[in-house]
Amino acid sequence: MRSRAAARQKRSVVLPDSLSRLDYGAKSHRVRDLLEENYGRPEAAAGGREPIDALVRAIIGQNTSHPNQERALARLHARFPDWELLAAAPLADVVACLHPAGLANQKAPRLQALIAQILDERGSLDLRFLATMEVGE
């Protein structure tokens, strides 16, 4: 049986000297750059969906299982064919849809507020502009 120290040692990654001297923010930027140099930049949001869909999925998926996340998303899509309708819906309707994912009383108002804020600030839910922004922005 291996010791915990041996298990930790096996999992550790040795970075090139050029990366090991950088702070975490600089390391993550350099790793991203290396990945892009070797594999190219991803062209689509997670799973080929619109970025707003990926954002909604991330919020709903917090602290839940994938099947429960999918149930909640299916209920949301059935009740609100587009996210603009969700932003203006009664809170109780959104909570009911999110119930399978858990924490519906917390997620629903935050999701509505986020969508409303994006609509207010950007005029649409098109988040593709984020791809052109620098990480620090």
Foldseek 3Di string as FASTA:
>chain_A
DDDPVVVVVVPDDDDPPVLVPDPPVVNVVVVVVVCCVVPNDDDAPVPNDAVLVVVLLVLLQPPFDPVLSVQLVVLCCVVPVDVVCLLPDDLVSNLVSSVSSPPSVPSSVVSSVVLVVCCVVPVDPRPPVVVVDDPVD
